[in-house]
Structure formats: C-alpha cells, structure tokens
Amino acid sequence: MILPRYLAKGIIILFAFSLLNIAYAIPSGNVYPPEFTYRNGYWYDSFGFYRDYYGGNNGFLPNVAFESIGEYKEKAYSVGESFKTNYPEKVDRAEAILSYVQRWTDYGYDEENVFVEGEAQAEWAWNADEMAHMFNQNTLAVATGDCEDMSFLCSTIYLAAGFEVAIISPPEHVALMIWLPEYSNANYYWNLNDGKGQGWIWVEATGENNPLGWTPPDYTGGEFEVYLLGSSSLISNISYSPTDPQAEDSVVVTVSVNTQSSISQVVLHYSIDGGSQRTITMTRQGSSYKATIPQQADGTNVEFYASVTDTEGNVSDSTTYSYTVGGENGIEIPGFPIESILIGLTLGFAALYFLARKRSAISLPSTSMSRQSGRE
C-alpha cells in the first residue's frame, strides 16, 4: 500500500514528536511544547509567571530563570552536566559554554520572532529548556532569542556545570555573571556584595564575538539589579588550618554551607604538585564539613577546592586554594623579629620627615587616578 506524500510526512512528524517526549520526559514548565494562558492583560506560563512583562512578583525576571533548575531541570541542565564531565579545567569549561551558546543561538527582536495565537509580541521571555529545544545540532537549526532568553539558557548551563551564577539586569538589558576570580582575561572583576569579594566576571551572550569576562562599556558603572541563582549560595565560607603548614602538619579544610539547603554530599578535591585529583568525602560537624589533607614533604604544592551537592542535584564548587609546605610565615626574616623591623621603619620615616621640613616645598600638578579594571 502506497501512502500519499502528505500522509506519510504527517506520520513521520508524529513519530518524531513522540520520540521527543520520550527523550525529555520532564520538560520545564511541566509540559512541552509550552502552554500559555492569556488573562488580565498578560500571557502566563504554567508556573503562573508573565512571559510578556519582566517586572512585579509574577514578572519573568528573574522568575523564569528558576524554571529550568531544581526539580524541573531538563534539557538545558543536562547540557551543563556534560560540559562539567568533558571539561575538567574550570576556565576551559567556562569559555566552552559561552562559545556553545553563541554558536547555537541568534539574536532576534521579540516582535519579529514571537507570535502567540498569530499576534506578534513586543516583549517575550523563553526559559532555558524552551531555548534548548529550539536548536538542533543534527539539522543545524539555531534558537532565536534576545538578551533575557540567552541569559536564562546560559545561567542554567553554567549552574549545571558547577559555576556560581548571578542574573544581572541593567536598564533595558539582561546578562549574567559567574564567579571565576582565577580567570585572567576579564576587563572588569565585580564585587556583588554577596560576601565573596571581587571575582565575578560578566557573560555577554548576545553577540557572536563577545569574549568571556567582557563587560560592555554601557554597564561599567555598576548600575544593575543582581539575582543570585541556585547553587551560588551553597558554600558560604571555606578555610584551612594551619595556613602555613610544615612537613609534620596535616591540613584541616573546613567548609561552611547554607543550612537552608538540604545537602546530599560535600567532597574535597585536591592535587599534589599538579598531579591527578584525589577526593575525600567531608564529614559534617554542625553546619560545617571537614576533611584532612595528609602530611606532605617540604616544598610540595597542594591545590584544593570543595564541591557541595544539594538534594535537588545543584552543585557548587568553591574557589581553588593552594599552599606550599614549608613556606615562610608572613614577612618575618630569621634573626630579625618583625617588631624590630617596624620600629626601624618608623624611625626611618621620622628622620625623612625631619629632613623634608628643611627643604623648600615643591608644588606638583594634581593628578587623578582611575580605577584599574582589568589585570595586566
């Protein structure tokens, strides 16, 4: 029996769609393709958030960013997990993720690309999984979206890949930042007042050639809203003791975690002189977790970091720390106590001041100092 061409195509499409539902059984928003409801002047998704307006308690910013993490994680999150597996070095992983998103997305204005029930939408937000379903590496189809769409996609992938992530919203724009102080090529390193200090770098996915860590000139003033996501709050502090270990010392690493999260496991990763990584499951003590790095010989360099996984599968990696066994303590010079050095410096400065009073004053032109934003 020979089927008409249009009927054969219909069967193929239905078959392909059934495979899609099998492959992605728990899609973001509880249903795929997504369903939206119009009421009170807004288009709502199945979570009850506006897709056509950013503000308010039900606006898409930052609510839609949470629809593809936690218990609703799906396709975009799995992409991030694959990056974590395939790129063990964090800097390489961060660059590869941005390149991946830039490759499989194109920037497009909502009013030209989003139509709901036949009507163009002046403003619209897609969540990360909806964007991930739009592109297809086999057919080379790309996903079209604007700044918030790409930021939501990026943020989910980075979170799943083990990065701490924040959504950033300057006026008329959405981007994201990741915590990566060891990255050497950013033009700005940001402090988001989250207790971590300066080390957040900008991720701008809206252009094919925007490099990782590049803060666009329009936003260097720091006037933007910050929304920390998911695992970025799992680790609140990490410390180790002694801070200047000698050959006879074991080093105790302590990780403080966010007690509002249900923790599945905390693991210490360490390497000796750049060798292969070793892991130790950390032991809980109150709201902290501890593990001990064994004694090492003088001159040994040890690098370590901790990873925390909560019961929803969110993973947070700490900054990488390092120490060298047998290093000098502070700036003390053998035979010269630090107190003696300070007294000598004080007397020296006093003498210089006395001599300077006898000299004629020389006027110097005033200068202004600008903030150094990048690293040499």
Foldseek 3Di string as FASTA:
>chain_A
DDDPPVVVVVVVVVVVVVVVCVQWVQAFLRDPPWDWDDDPHFIATSVGAGFQAQDDPRHVVPVLLCRQAFQRNTDLLVLLLVLLVPPVDPVVSLQVLLLVLLQQEAEDQQQVPPADPRHGGNGGEDAQRNQVVQGDPVVRGHGYYHQRNSQSSSQSSCQSSAWWKKWKFDPPHIWIKTFAQVDAPAQFFDDPVLQPPTGIATRGNHHNPDGTRYDPPVCPVPRIDIGTDDPNQFWDDKDKPPPAAAQQDKIKIKTATDPVFAWDFKKKWKDKPPDDIDIDTWPDDPRMTMDIHDGDHAQIKMKMWMWIATPSGGIHIDDIDMYGHPDDDDPQDPPQGPVNVVVVVVVVVVVVVVVVVPDDDDDDDDDDDDDRGHHD
